[in-house]
Amino acid sequence: MNRVKIRQQIEEYLEQLSPERLLVAADFLAYLAAREENDATEELLNIPGFQEVFEKAKKNVEEGKVISVDKLKRKY
């Protein structure tokens, strides 16, 4: 089943739910979304050297040692 059909099916189910059950569904979806974010973050943190490179990149941004996307687009 593709993404569009899945969303349509979910919408059909949601239309059948009472307000109380909609709250439960919303809470569950919020939990799944948070879990997805946490899994993605954990995956990044497990990359060897990622944290060090990320901290260096943040420092470069703070110090203005970066080029904006607009400038890069104009240059290339």
PDB file of N, CA and C in Angstrom:
ATOM      1  N   MET A   1       0.859  -1.176   0.000  1.00  0.00           N
ATOM      2  CA  MET A   1       0.000   0.000   0.000  1.00  0.00           C
ATOM      3  C   MET A   1       0.901   1.233   0.000  1.00  0.00           C
ATOM      4  N   ASN A   2       0.625   2.185  -0.895  1.00  0.00           N
ATOM      5  CA  ASN A   2       1.479   3.372  -0.952  1.00  0.00           C
ATOM      6  C   ASN A   2       1.048   4.410   0.086  1.00  0.00           C
ATOM      7  N   ARG A   3       1.864   5.418   0.211  1.00  0.00           N
ATOM      8  CA  ARG A   3       1.677   6.446   1.242  1.00  0.00           C
ATOM      9  C   ARG A   3       0.312   7.133   1.145  1.00  0.00           C
ATOM     10  N   VAL A   4      -0.124   7.459  -0.058  1.00  0.00           N
ATOM     11  CA  VAL A   4      -1.409   8.152  -0.244  1.00  0.00           C
ATOM     12  C   VAL A   4      -2.563   7.265   0.205  1.00  0.00           C
ATOM     13  N   LYS A   5      -2.520   5.999  -0.181  1.00  0.00           N
ATOM     14  CA  LYS A   5      -3.594   5.080   0.205  1.00  0.00           C
ATOM     15  C   LYS A   5      -3.616   4.851   1.715  1.00  0.00           C
ATOM     16  N   ILE A   6      -2.447   4.797   2.307  1.00  0.00           N
ATOM     17  CA  ILE A   6      -2.377   4.633   3.764  1.00  0.00           C
ATOM     18  C   ILE A   6      -3.015   5.834   4.449  1.00  0.00           C
ATOM     19  N   ARG A   7      -2.691   7.033   3.986  1.00  0.00           N
ATOM     20  CA  ARG A   7      -3.275   8.243   4.571  1.00  0.00           C
ATOM     21  C   ARG A   7      -4.791   8.263   4.396  1.00  0.00           C
ATOM     22  N   GLN A   8      -5.265   7.851   3.233  1.00  0.00           N
ATOM     23  CA  GLN A   8      -6.708   7.805   2.999  1.00  0.00           C
ATOM     24  C   GLN A   8      -7.375   6.827   3.958  1.00  0.00           C
ATOM     25  N   GLN A   9      -6.752   5.681   4.160  1.00  0.00           N
ATOM     26  CA  GLN A   9      -7.299   4.687   5.083  1.00  0.00           C
ATOM     27  C   GLN A   9      -7.339   5.238   6.505  1.00  0.00           C
ATOM     28  N   ILE A  10      -6.283   5.919   6.897  1.00  0.00           N
ATOM     29  CA  ILE A  10      -6.235   6.519   8.235  1.00  0.00           C
ATOM     30  C   ILE A  10      -7.340   7.551   8.391  1.00  0.00           C
ATOM     31  N   GLU A  11      -7.534   8.383   7.373  1.00  0.00           N
ATOM     32  CA  GLU A  11      -8.595   9.395   7.432  1.00  0.00           C
ATOM     33  C   GLU A  11      -9.969   8.745   7.576  1.00  0.00           C
ATOM     34  N   GLU A  12     -10.198   7.641   6.876  1.00  0.00           N
ATOM     35  CA  GLU A  12     -11.468   6.923   7.004  1.00  0.00           C
ATOM     36  C   GLU A  12     -11.665   6.425   8.432  1.00  0.00           C
ATOM     37  N   TYR A  13     -10.622   5.880   9.019  1.00  0.00           N
ATOM     38  CA  TYR A  13     -10.715   5.415  10.403  1.00  0.00           C
ATOM     39  C   TYR A  13     -10.979   6.579  11.353  1.00  0.00           C
ATOM     40  N   LEU A  14     -10.278   7.687  11.143  1.00  0.00           N
ATOM     41  CA  LEU A  14     -10.441   8.846  12.021  1.00  0.00           C
ATOM     42  C   LEU A  14     -11.861   9.383  11.989  1.00  0.00           C
ATOM     43  N   GLU A  15     -12.489   9.364  10.827  1.00  0.00           N
ATOM     44  CA  GLU A  15     -13.864   9.852  10.692  1.00  0.00           C
ATOM     45  C   GLU A  15     -14.838   9.034  11.538  1.00  0.00           C
ATOM     46  N   GLN A  16     -14.484   7.810  11.849  1.00  0.00           N
ATOM     47  CA  GLN A  16     -15.369   6.918  12.596  1.00  0.00           C
ATOM     48  C   GLN A  16     -15.188   7.029  14.110  1.00  0.00           C
ATOM     49  N   LEU A  17     -14.161   7.718  14.553  1.00  0.00           N
ATOM     50  CA  LEU A  17     -13.835   7.749  15.982  1.00  0.00           C
ATOM     51  C   LEU A  17     -14.573   8.846  16.734  1.00  0.00           C
ATOM     52  N   SER A  18     -14.858   8.550  17.994  1.00  0.00           N
ATOM     53  CA  SER A  18     -15.433   9.551  18.897  1.00  0.00           C
ATOM     54  C   SER A  18     -14.340  10.545  19.276  1.00  0.00           C
ATOM     55  N   PRO A  19     -14.716  11.717  19.812  1.00  0.00           N
ATOM     56  CA  PRO A  19     -13.695  12.690  20.237  1.00  0.00           C
ATOM     57  C   PRO A  19     -12.700  12.103  21.242  1.00  0.00           C
ATOM     58  N   GLU A  20     -13.195  11.255  22.136  1.00  0.00           N
ATOM     59  CA  GLU A  20     -12.304  10.655  23.132  1.00  0.00           C
ATOM     60  C   GLU A  20     -11.275   9.745  22.466  1.00  0.00           C
ATOM     61  N   ARG A  21     -11.732   8.954  21.504  1.00  0.00           N
ATOM     62  CA  ARG A  21     -10.815   8.053  20.800  1.00  0.00           C
ATOM     63  C   ARG A  21      -9.865   8.836  19.896  1.00  0.00           C
ATOM     64  N   LEU A  22     -10.322   9.979  19.369  1.00  0.00           N
ATOM     65  CA  LEU A  22      -9.432  10.827  18.573  1.00  0.00           C
ATOM     66  C   LEU A  22      -8.266  11.327  19.419  1.00  0.00           C
ATOM     67  N   LEU A  23      -8.546  11.651  20.686  1.00  0.00           N
ATOM     68  CA  LEU A  23      -7.469  12.076  21.588  1.00  0.00           C
ATOM     69  C   LEU A  23      -6.455  10.954  21.795  1.00  0.00           C
ATOM     70  N   VAL A  24      -6.954   9.742  21.956  1.00  0.00           N
ATOM     71  CA  VAL A  24      -6.062   8.593  22.121  1.00  0.00           C
ATOM     72  C   VAL A  24      -5.210   8.415  20.862  1.00  0.00           C
ATOM     73  N   ALA A  25      -5.843   8.523  19.699  1.00  0.00           N
ATOM     74  CA  ALA A  25      -5.114   8.391  18.433  1.00  0.00           C
ATOM     75  C   ALA A  25      -4.064   9.488  18.297  1.00  0.00           C
ATOM     76  N   ALA A  26      -4.431  10.713  18.664  1.00  0.00           N
ATOM     77  CA  ALA A  26      -3.485  11.834  18.582  1.00  0.00           C
ATOM     78  C   ALA A  26      -2.297  11.601  19.504  1.00  0.00           C
ATOM     79  N   ASP A  27      -2.560  11.121  20.715  1.00  0.00           N
ATOM     80  CA  ASP A  27      -1.476  10.829  21.653  1.00  0.00           C
ATOM     81  C   ASP A  27      -0.551   9.744  21.101  1.00  0.00           C
ATOM     82  N   PHE A  28      -1.144   8.721  20.508  1.00  0.00           N
ATOM     83  CA  PHE A  28      -0.343   7.631  19.958  1.00  0.00           C
ATOM     84  C   PHE A  28       0.506   8.115  18.788  1.00  0.00           C
ATOM     85  N   LEU A  29      -0.075   8.938  17.924  1.00  0.00           N
ATOM     86  CA  LEU A  29       0.686   9.482  16.796  1.00  0.00           C
ATOM     87  C   LEU A  29       1.821  10.380  17.281  1.00  0.00           C
ATOM     88  N   ALA A  30       1.567  11.154  18.329  1.00  0.00           N
ATOM     89  CA  ALA A  30       2.624  11.995  18.901  1.00  0.00           C
ATOM     90  C   ALA A  30       3.757  11.120  19.439  1.00  0.00           C
ATOM     91  N   TYR A  31       3.390  10.027  20.095  1.00  0.00           N
ATOM     92  CA  TYR A  31       4.393   9.085  20.603  1.00  0.00           C
ATOM     93  C   TYR A  31       5.230   8.516  19.453  1.00  0.00           C
ATOM     94  N   LEU A  32       4.561   8.093  18.376  1.00  0.00           N
ATOM     95  CA  LEU A  32       5.282   7.530  17.230  1.00  0.00           C
ATOM     96  C   LEU A  32       6.210   8.558  16.590  1.00  0.00           C
ATOM     97  N   ALA A  33       5.746   9.799  16.469  1.00  0.00           N
ATOM     98  CA  ALA A  33       6.570  10.855  15.871  1.00  0.00           C
ATOM     99  C   ALA A  33       7.804  11.115  16.729  1.00  0.00           C
ATOM    100  N   ALA A  34       7.614  11.179  18.041  1.00  0.00           N
ATOM    101  CA  ALA A  34       8.745  11.402  18.944  1.00  0.00           C
ATOM    102  C   ALA A  34       9.721  10.234  18.862  1.00  0.00           C
ATOM    103  N   ARG A  35       9.193   9.043  18.782  1.00  0.00           N
ATOM    104  CA  ARG A  35      10.029   7.846  18.689  1.00  0.00           C
ATOM    105  C   ARG A  35      10.858   7.873  17.408  1.00  0.00           C
ATOM    106  N   GLU A  36      10.222   8.305  16.317  1.00  0.00           N
ATOM    107  CA  GLU A  36      10.916   8.411  15.025  1.00  0.00           C
ATOM    108  C   GLU A  36      12.087   9.385  15.134  1.00  0.00           C
ATOM    109  N   GLU A  37      11.841  10.537  15.773  1.00  0.00           N
ATOM    110  CA  GLU A  37      12.899  11.536  15.958  1.00  0.00           C
ATOM    111  C   GLU A  37      14.025  10.976  16.811  1.00  0.00           C
ATOM    112  N   ASN A  38      13.655  10.294  17.893  1.00  0.00           N
ATOM    113  CA  ASN A  38      14.668   9.726  18.783  1.00  0.00           C
ATOM    114  C   ASN A  38      15.507   8.669  18.070  1.00  0.00           C
ATOM    115  N   ASP A  39      14.855   7.843  17.266  1.00  0.00           N
ATOM    116  CA  ASP A  39      15.588   6.808  16.526  1.00  0.00           C
ATOM    117  C   ASP A  39      16.570   7.438  15.545  1.00  0.00           C
ATOM    118  N   ALA A  40      16.120   8.498  14.861  1.00  0.00           N
ATOM    119  CA  ALA A  40      16.995   9.176  13.896  1.00  0.00           C
ATOM    120  C   ALA A  40      18.181   9.818  14.607  1.00  0.00           C
ATOM    121  N   THR A  41      17.920  10.444  15.751  1.00  0.00           N
ATOM    122  CA  THR A  41      18.995  11.070  16.525  1.00  0.00           C
ATOM    123  C   THR A  41      19.986  10.018  17.005  1.00  0.00           C
ATOM    124  N   GLU A  42      19.467   8.908  17.504  1.00  0.00           N
ATOM    125  CA  GLU A  42      20.344   7.839  17.986  1.00  0.00           C
ATOM    126  C   GLU A  42      21.204   7.286  16.851  1.00  0.00           C
ATOM    127  N   GLU A  43      20.609   7.166  15.674  1.00  0.00           N
ATOM    128  CA  GLU A  43      21.365   6.671  14.521  1.00  0.00           C
ATOM    129  C   GLU A  43      22.518   7.609  14.185  1.00  0.00           C
ATOM    130  N   LEU A  44      22.258   8.918  14.216  1.00  0.00           N
ATOM    131  CA  LEU A  44      23.328   9.886  13.950  1.00  0.00           C
ATOM    132  C   LEU A  44      24.416   9.815  15.017  1.00  0.00           C
ATOM    133  N   LEU A  45      24.003   9.734  16.268  1.00  0.00           N
ATOM    134  CA  LEU A  45      24.977   9.710  17.358  1.00  0.00           C
ATOM    135  C   LEU A  45      25.837   8.450  17.344  1.00  0.00           C
ATOM    136  N   ASN A  46      25.359   7.406  16.701  1.00  0.00           N
ATOM    137  CA  ASN A  46      26.131   6.162  16.613  1.00  0.00           C
ATOM    138  C   ASN A  46      27.164   6.180  15.492  1.00  0.00           C
ATOM    139  N   ILE A  47      27.144   7.210  14.653  1.00  0.00           N
ATOM    140  CA  ILE A  47      28.146   7.327  13.594  1.00  0.00           C
ATOM    141  C   ILE A  47      29.461   7.758  14.245  1.00  0.00           C
ATOM    142  N   PRO A  48      30.532   6.987  14.056  1.00  0.00           N
ATOM    143  CA  PRO A  48      31.808   7.341  14.686  1.00  0.00           C
ATOM    144  C   PRO A  48      32.256   8.755  14.299  1.00  0.00           C
ATOM    145  N   GLY A  49      32.550   9.566  15.312  1.00  0.00           N
ATOM    146  CA  GLY A  49      33.049  10.920  15.095  1.00  0.00           C
ATOM    147  C   GLY A  49      31.979  11.962  14.810  1.00  0.00           C
ATOM    148  N   PHE A  50      30.711  11.547  14.731  1.00  0.00           N
ATOM    149  CA  PHE A  50      29.652  12.499  14.379  1.00  0.00           C
ATOM    150  C   PHE A  50      29.549  13.641  15.383  1.00  0.00           C
ATOM    151  N   GLN A  51      29.546  13.311  16.672  1.00  0.00           N
ATOM    152  CA  GLN A  51      29.366  14.357  17.686  1.00  0.00           C
ATOM    153  C   GLN A  51      30.458  15.418  17.600  1.00  0.00           C
ATOM    154  N   GLU A  52      31.689  14.998  17.399  1.00  0.00           N
ATOM    155  CA  GLU A  52      32.792  15.948  17.321  1.00  0.00           C
ATOM    156  C   GLU A  52      32.634  16.861  16.103  1.00  0.00           C
ATOM    157  N   VAL A  53      32.306  16.266  14.970  1.00  0.00           N
ATOM    158  CA  VAL A  53      32.134  17.049  13.744  1.00  0.00           C
ATOM    159  C   VAL A  53      30.945  17.995  13.884  1.00  0.00           C
ATOM    160  N   PHE A  54      29.874  17.526  14.499  1.00  0.00           N
ATOM    161  CA  PHE A  54      28.683  18.354  14.688  1.00  0.00           C
ATOM    162  C   PHE A  54      28.987  19.541  15.597  1.00  0.00           C
ATOM    163  N   GLU A  55      29.707  19.296  16.687  1.00  0.00           N
ATOM    164  CA  GLU A  55      30.071  20.387  17.601  1.00  0.00           C
ATOM    165  C   GLU A  55      30.960  21.408  16.895  1.00  0.00           C
ATOM    166  N   LYS A  56      31.884  20.926  16.077  1.00  0.00           N
ATOM    167  CA  LYS A  56      32.752  21.834  15.324  1.00  0.00           C
ATOM    168  C   LYS A  56      31.924  22.670  14.347  1.00  0.00           C
ATOM    169  N   ALA A  57      30.966  22.049  13.699  1.00  0.00           N
ATOM    170  CA  ALA A  57      30.103  22.770  12.755  1.00  0.00           C
ATOM    171  C   ALA A  57      29.288  23.842  13.477  1.00  0.00           C
ATOM    172  N   LYS A  58      28.760  23.516  14.655  1.00  0.00           N
ATOM    173  CA  LYS A  58      27.999  24.513  15.427  1.00  0.00           C
ATOM    174  C   LYS A  58      28.888  25.688  15.815  1.00  0.00           C
ATOM    175  N   LYS A  59      30.123  25.384  16.196  1.00  0.00           N
ATOM    176  CA  LYS A  59      31.068  26.441  16.566  1.00  0.00           C
ATOM    177  C   LYS A  59      31.361  27.328  15.359  1.00  0.00           C
ATOM    178  N   ASN A  60      31.548  26.728  14.195  1.00  0.00           N
ATOM    179  CA  ASN A  60      31.788  27.499  12.974  1.00  0.00           C
ATOM    180  C   ASN A  60      30.619  28.427  12.661  1.00  0.00           C
ATOM    181  N   VAL A  61      29.417  27.956  12.872  1.00  0.00           N
ATOM    182  CA  VAL A  61      28.232  28.793  12.643  1.00  0.00           C
ATOM    183  C   VAL A  61      28.237  29.968  13.612  1.00  0.00           C
ATOM    184  N   GLU A  62      28.486  29.692  14.884  1.00  0.00           N
ATOM    185  CA  GLU A  62      28.519  30.753  15.901  1.00  0.00           C
ATOM    186  C   GLU A  62      29.577  31.806  15.574  1.00  0.00           C
ATOM    187  N   GLU A  63      30.695  31.368  15.019  1.00  0.00           N
ATOM    188  CA  GLU A  63      31.799  32.278  14.709  1.00  0.00           C
ATOM    189  C   GLU A  63      31.675  32.902  13.319  1.00  0.00           C
ATOM    190  N   GLY A  64      30.603  32.594  12.618  1.00  0.00           N
ATOM    191  CA  GLY A  64      30.391  33.170  11.291  1.00  0.00           C
ATOM    192  C   GLY A  64      31.299  32.606  10.219  1.00  0.00           C
ATOM    193  N   LYS A  65      31.836  31.440  10.443  1.00  0.00           N
ATOM    194  CA  LYS A  65      32.762  30.816   9.485  1.00  0.00           C
ATOM    195  C   LYS A  65      32.020  29.917   8.489  1.00  0.00           C
ATOM    196  N   VAL A  66      30.894  30.392   8.026  1.00  0.00           N
ATOM    197  CA  VAL A  66      30.100  29.613   7.075  1.00  0.00           C
ATOM    198  C   VAL A  66      29.668  30.498   5.914  1.00  0.00           C
ATOM    199  N   ILE A  67      29.267  29.875   4.841  1.00  0.00           N
ATOM    200  CA  ILE A  67      28.762  30.593   3.669  1.00  0.00           C
ATOM    201  C   ILE A  67      27.280  30.261   3.546  1.00  0.00           C
ATOM    202  N   SER A  68      26.466  31.286   3.351  1.00  0.00           N
ATOM    203  CA  SER A  68      25.028  31.051   3.242  1.00  0.00           C
ATOM    204  C   SER A  68      24.701  30.296   1.957  1.00  0.00           C
ATOM    205  N   VAL A  69      23.580  29.629   1.971  1.00  0.00           N
ATOM    206  CA  VAL A  69      23.131  28.888   0.799  1.00  0.00           C
ATOM    207  C   VAL A  69      22.918  29.839  -0.370  1.00  0.00           C
ATOM    208  N   ASP A  70      22.381  31.027  -0.095  1.00  0.00           N
ATOM    209  CA  ASP A  70      22.162  32.011  -1.163  1.00  0.00           C
ATOM    210  C   ASP A  70      23.470  32.380  -1.857  1.00  0.00           C
ATOM    211  N   LYS A  71      24.524  32.600  -1.075  1.00  0.00           N
ATOM    212  CA  LYS A  71      25.819  32.932  -1.675  1.00  0.00           C
ATOM    213  C   LYS A  71      26.356  31.771  -2.499  1.00  0.00           C
ATOM    214  N   LEU A  72      26.175  30.564  -2.007  1.00  0.00           N
ATOM    215  CA  LEU A  72      26.626  29.396  -2.758  1.00  0.00           C
ATOM    216  C   LEU A  72      25.865  29.264  -4.073  1.00  0.00           C
ATOM    217  N   LYS A  73      24.559  29.505  -4.024  1.00  0.00           N
ATOM    218  CA  LYS A  73      23.752  29.416  -5.247  1.00  0.00           C
ATOM    219  C   LYS A  73      24.215  30.435  -6.274  1.00  0.00           C
ATOM    220  N   ARG A  74      24.494  31.657  -5.820  1.00  0.00           N
ATOM    221  CA  ARG A  74      24.948  32.701  -6.738  1.00  0.00           C
ATOM    222  C   ARG A  74      26.314  32.365  -7.325  1.00  0.00           C
ATOM    223  N   LYS A  75      27.173  31.762  -6.498  1.00  0.00           N
ATOM    224  CA  LYS A  75      28.532  31.456  -6.930  1.00  0.00           C
ATOM    225  C   LYS A  75      28.557  30.308  -7.939  1.00  0.00           C
ATOM    226  N   TYR A  76      27.693  29.346  -7.748  1.00  0.00           N
ATOM    227  CA  TYR A  76      27.709  28.162  -8.609  1.00  0.00           C
ATOM    228  C   TYR A  76      26.443  28.093  -9.417  1.00  0.00           C
TER     229      TYR A  76
END
